[in-house]
């Protein structure tokens, strides 16, 4: 792989969305395997419902963040240190 492709791959693996998905996946795994230890979570249906709630919560938070970034003005999307800086010519 070329260095630019490697840096892109690392950036995408370390992104906020990827780490959030990994954390949510870990939480889902814990709910599935440790759920029977909690009263009322012994069957597969309550555990699946709890996992669905986690998945919907992650989707909502990630979607809201993506929508907020998409609607932000262009310099704000560029991030700190990039884009237009007030007081300097473009």
N, C-alpha and C. Protein backbone atom coordinates (compact mmCIF):
# COMPACT_ATOMS: atom_id res chain seq x y z
N UNK A 1 0.84 -1.18 0.00
CA UNK A 1 0.00 0.00 0.00
C UNK A 1 0.88 1.24 0.00
N UNK A 2 0.38 2.26 -0.59
CA UNK A 2 1.11 3.51 -0.64
C UNK A 2 0.91 4.27 0.68
N UNK A 3 1.87 5.13 1.06
CA UNK A 3 1.77 5.85 2.33
C UNK A 3 0.49 6.67 2.47
N UNK A 4 0.02 7.26 1.39
CA UNK A 4 -1.21 8.05 1.45
C UNK A 4 -2.40 7.15 1.74
N UNK A 5 -2.42 5.98 1.15
CA UNK A 5 -3.51 5.04 1.39
C UNK A 5 -3.47 4.51 2.81
N UNK A 6 -2.28 4.29 3.34
CA UNK A 6 -2.14 3.82 4.72
C UNK A 6 -2.64 4.88 5.69
N UNK A 7 -2.26 6.14 5.46
CA UNK A 7 -2.72 7.20 6.36
C UNK A 7 -4.22 7.37 6.27
N UNK A 8 -4.81 7.22 5.08
CA UNK A 8 -6.26 7.30 4.94
C UNK A 8 -6.94 6.15 5.68
N UNK A 9 -6.37 4.95 5.57
CA UNK A 9 -6.93 3.79 6.26
C UNK A 9 -6.87 3.98 7.77
N UNK A 10 -5.74 4.44 8.28
CA UNK A 10 -5.61 4.68 9.72
C UNK A 10 -6.56 5.77 10.19
N UNK A 11 -6.69 6.82 9.40
CA UNK A 11 -7.60 7.91 9.78
C UNK A 11 -9.04 7.42 9.83
N UNK A 12 -9.42 6.57 8.89
CA UNK A 12 -10.80 6.07 8.90
C UNK A 12 -11.03 5.08 10.03
N UNK A 13 -10.01 4.30 10.38
CA UNK A 13 -10.16 3.36 11.50
C UNK A 13 -10.19 4.07 12.84
N UNK A 14 -9.53 5.20 12.94
CA UNK A 14 -9.47 5.93 14.19
C UNK A 14 -10.48 7.08 14.26
N UNK A 15 -11.40 7.11 13.32
CA UNK A 15 -12.37 8.20 13.30
C UNK A 15 -13.36 8.07 14.46
N UNK A 16 -14.06 9.15 14.70
CA UNK A 16 -15.05 9.17 15.78
C UNK A 16 -16.16 8.15 15.52
N UNK A 17 -16.58 8.05 14.29
CA UNK A 17 -17.67 7.13 13.97
C UNK A 17 -17.24 5.67 14.14
N UNK A 18 -16.02 5.35 13.71
CA UNK A 18 -15.54 3.97 13.83
C UNK A 18 -15.33 3.58 15.28
N UNK A 19 -14.77 4.48 16.08
CA UNK A 19 -14.57 4.14 17.49
C UNK A 19 -15.90 4.06 18.22
N UNK A 20 -16.87 4.89 17.84
CA UNK A 20 -18.20 4.79 18.43
C UNK A 20 -18.89 3.49 18.07
N UNK A 21 -18.72 3.06 16.83
CA UNK A 21 -19.30 1.78 16.41
C UNK A 21 -18.64 0.62 17.14
N UNK A 22 -17.33 0.69 17.32
CA UNK A 22 -16.63 -0.38 18.05
C UNK A 22 -17.10 -0.43 19.50
N UNK A 23 -17.25 0.72 20.13
CA UNK A 23 -17.73 0.76 21.51
C UNK A 23 -19.15 0.25 21.64
N UNK A 24 -20.00 0.60 20.68
CA UNK A 24 -21.38 0.12 20.71
C UNK A 24 -21.41 -1.39 20.48
N UNK A 25 -20.57 -1.87 19.59
CA UNK A 25 -20.49 -3.32 19.37
C UNK A 25 -20.04 -4.06 20.61
N UNK A 26 -19.10 -3.47 21.33
CA UNK A 26 -18.65 -4.07 22.59
C UNK A 26 -19.78 -4.08 23.62
N UNK A 27 -20.52 -2.98 23.69
CA UNK A 27 -21.66 -2.92 24.62
C UNK A 27 -22.73 -3.95 24.25
N UNK A 28 -22.97 -4.12 22.96
CA UNK A 28 -23.95 -5.12 22.51
C UNK A 28 -23.50 -6.52 22.88
N UNK A 29 -22.22 -6.79 22.73
CA UNK A 29 -21.68 -8.11 23.09
C UNK A 29 -21.81 -8.36 24.58
N UNK A 30 -21.53 -7.34 25.39
CA UNK A 30 -21.68 -7.48 26.83
C UNK A 30 -23.13 -7.73 27.22
N UNK A 31 -24.06 -7.03 26.57
CA UNK A 31 -25.48 -7.24 26.85
C UNK A 31 -25.87 -8.67 26.50
N UNK A 32 -25.39 -9.17 25.38
CA UNK A 32 -25.78 -10.51 24.96
C UNK A 32 -25.25 -11.59 25.91
N UNK A 33 -23.97 -11.48 26.27
CA UNK A 33 -23.37 -12.55 27.07
C UNK A 33 -23.56 -12.39 28.56
N UNK A 34 -23.67 -11.16 29.05
CA UNK A 34 -23.87 -10.96 30.49
C UNK A 34 -25.33 -10.69 30.84
N UNK A 35 -26.19 -10.57 29.85
CA UNK A 35 -27.61 -10.32 30.08
C UNK A 35 -28.29 -11.35 30.95
N UNK A 36 -28.00 -12.64 30.80
CA UNK A 36 -28.66 -13.63 31.65
C UNK A 36 -28.37 -13.47 33.14
N UNK A 37 -27.34 -12.73 33.50
CA UNK A 37 -27.04 -12.50 34.91
C UNK A 37 -27.95 -11.44 35.53
N UNK A 38 -28.62 -10.66 34.68
CA UNK A 38 -29.52 -9.60 35.15
C UNK A 38 -30.95 -10.16 35.18
N UNK A 39 -31.66 -9.98 36.30
CA UNK A 39 -33.04 -10.48 36.37
C UNK A 39 -33.90 -9.86 35.26
N UNK A 40 -34.65 -10.69 34.57
CA UNK A 40 -35.52 -10.24 33.49
C UNK A 40 -34.86 -10.21 32.13
N UNK A 41 -33.57 -10.48 32.06
CA UNK A 41 -32.87 -10.45 30.77
C UNK A 41 -32.39 -11.85 30.37
N UNK A 42 -32.99 -12.87 30.96
CA UNK A 42 -32.54 -14.24 30.72
C UNK A 42 -32.81 -14.76 29.33
N UNK A 43 -33.93 -14.37 28.75
CA UNK A 43 -34.28 -14.87 27.42
C UNK A 43 -33.63 -14.06 26.31
N UNK A 44 -33.65 -14.63 25.12
CA UNK A 44 -33.02 -13.92 24.00
C UNK A 44 -33.81 -12.68 23.55
N UNK A 45 -35.13 -12.67 23.75
CA UNK A 45 -35.94 -11.53 23.28
C UNK A 45 -35.62 -10.24 24.05
N UNK A 46 -35.55 -10.26 25.38
CA UNK A 46 -35.19 -9.01 26.07
C UNK A 46 -33.77 -8.53 25.75
N UNK A 47 -32.86 -9.47 25.58
CA UNK A 47 -31.49 -9.07 25.21
C UNK A 47 -31.46 -8.48 23.82
N UNK A 48 -32.20 -9.08 22.88
CA UNK A 48 -32.25 -8.54 21.52
C UNK A 48 -32.89 -7.16 21.52
N UNK A 49 -33.89 -6.95 22.36
CA UNK A 49 -34.51 -5.62 22.44
C UNK A 49 -33.52 -4.60 23.00
N UNK A 50 -32.75 -4.97 24.01
CA UNK A 50 -31.74 -4.06 24.57
C UNK A 50 -30.67 -3.74 23.52
N UNK A 51 -30.28 -4.74 22.75
CA UNK A 51 -29.29 -4.52 21.69
C UNK A 51 -29.85 -3.60 20.61
N UNK A 52 -31.12 -3.77 20.28
CA UNK A 52 -31.76 -2.90 19.30
C UNK A 52 -31.80 -1.47 19.79
N UNK A 53 -32.08 -1.27 21.07
CA UNK A 53 -32.08 0.08 21.64
C UNK A 53 -30.69 0.70 21.55
N UNK A 54 -29.65 -0.07 21.85
CA UNK A 54 -28.28 0.43 21.73
C UNK A 54 -27.96 0.81 20.28
N UNK A 55 -28.36 -0.04 19.34
CA UNK A 55 -28.08 0.23 17.93
C UNK A 55 -28.82 1.48 17.46
N UNK A 56 -30.06 1.64 17.87
CA UNK A 56 -30.82 2.83 17.47
C UNK A 56 -30.23 4.09 18.11
N UNK A 57 -29.78 3.98 19.36
CA UNK A 57 -29.18 5.14 20.02
C UNK A 57 -27.89 5.55 19.30
N UNK A 58 -27.05 4.57 18.94
CA UNK A 58 -25.81 4.88 18.24
C UNK A 58 -26.12 5.51 16.88
N UNK A 59 -27.10 4.95 16.17
CA UNK A 59 -27.46 5.49 14.86
C UNK A 59 -27.97 6.92 14.98
N UNK A 60 -28.79 7.18 15.99
CA UNK A 60 -29.30 8.53 16.18
C UNK A 60 -28.22 9.53 16.51
N UNK A 61 -27.32 9.16 17.40
CA UNK A 61 -26.23 10.08 17.78
C UNK A 61 -25.29 10.30 16.60
N UNK A 62 -24.92 9.25 15.91
CA UNK A 62 -24.01 9.39 14.76
C UNK A 62 -24.68 10.17 13.63
N UNK A 63 -25.96 9.91 13.40
CA UNK A 63 -26.69 10.64 12.36
C UNK A 63 -26.85 12.11 12.69
N UNK A 64 -27.12 12.41 13.96
CA UNK A 64 -27.27 13.81 14.36
C UNK A 64 -25.93 14.55 14.22
N UNK A 65 -24.84 13.89 14.58
CA UNK A 65 -23.53 14.52 14.43
C UNK A 65 -23.18 14.75 12.98
N UNK A 66 -23.48 13.78 12.12
CA UNK A 66 -23.20 13.94 10.70
C UNK A 66 -24.06 15.03 10.09
N UNK A 67 -25.32 15.10 10.49
CA UNK A 67 -26.20 16.15 9.98
C UNK A 67 -25.76 17.52 10.44
N UNK A 68 -25.33 17.62 11.69
CA UNK A 68 -24.87 18.90 12.21
C UNK A 68 -23.61 19.36 11.48
N UNK A 69 -22.69 18.42 11.21
CA UNK A 69 -21.48 18.78 10.48
C UNK A 69 -21.79 19.14 9.03
N UNK A 70 -22.77 18.47 8.45
CA UNK A 70 -23.10 18.74 7.05
C UNK A 70 -23.73 20.12 6.90
N UNK A 71 -24.51 20.54 7.90
CA UNK A 71 -25.18 21.83 7.83
C UNK A 71 -24.30 22.99 8.30
N UNK A 72 -23.13 22.68 8.83
CA UNK A 72 -22.23 23.73 9.32
C UNK A 72 -21.63 24.48 8.13
N UNK A 73 -21.27 25.75 8.32
CA UNK A 73 -20.61 26.49 7.24
C UNK A 73 -19.28 25.84 6.86
N UNK A 74 -18.82 26.08 5.67
CA UNK A 74 -17.62 25.42 5.13
C UNK A 74 -16.39 25.57 6.01
N UNK A 75 -16.03 26.75 6.54
CA UNK A 75 -14.83 26.82 7.37
C UNK A 75 -14.95 25.99 8.65
N UNK A 76 -16.14 25.87 9.19
CA UNK A 76 -16.32 25.07 10.40
C UNK A 76 -16.15 23.58 10.08
N UNK A 77 -16.53 23.18 8.89
CA UNK A 77 -16.36 21.78 8.49
C UNK A 77 -14.90 21.44 8.29
N UNK A 78 -14.10 22.43 7.91
CA UNK A 78 -12.69 22.18 7.62
C UNK A 78 -11.91 21.82 8.87
N UNK A 79 -12.38 22.23 10.02
CA UNK A 79 -11.70 21.90 11.26
C UNK A 79 -10.76 23.00 11.69
N UNK A 80 -10.19 22.86 12.85
CA UNK A 80 -9.31 23.91 13.36
C UNK A 80 -8.04 24.03 12.52
N UNK A 81 -7.68 25.26 12.26
CA UNK A 81 -6.45 25.50 11.52
C UNK A 81 -6.58 25.39 10.02
N UNK A 82 -7.77 25.11 9.52
CA UNK A 82 -7.97 24.97 8.07
C UNK A 82 -9.07 25.93 7.64
N UNK A 83 -9.11 26.20 6.37
CA UNK A 83 -10.17 27.04 5.85
C UNK A 83 -9.86 28.52 6.03
N UNK A 84 -10.89 29.33 6.00
CA UNK A 84 -10.75 30.77 6.10
C UNK A 84 -10.46 31.17 7.54
N UNK A 85 -9.50 32.08 7.69
CA UNK A 85 -9.20 32.62 9.01
C UNK A 85 -9.56 34.09 9.03
N UNK A 86 -10.35 34.52 10.00
CA UNK A 86 -10.72 35.94 10.05
C UNK A 86 -9.47 36.82 10.15
N UNK A 87 -9.52 37.94 9.43
CA UNK A 87 -8.42 38.88 9.48
C UNK A 87 -7.32 38.59 8.48
N UNK A 88 -7.40 37.48 7.79
CA UNK A 88 -6.39 37.13 6.79
C UNK A 88 -7.05 37.04 5.42
N UNK A 89 -6.35 37.44 4.38
CA UNK A 89 -6.94 37.31 3.04
C UNK A 89 -7.11 35.84 2.66
N UNK A 90 -8.15 35.56 1.90
CA UNK A 90 -8.45 34.19 1.49
C UNK A 90 -7.51 33.72 0.42
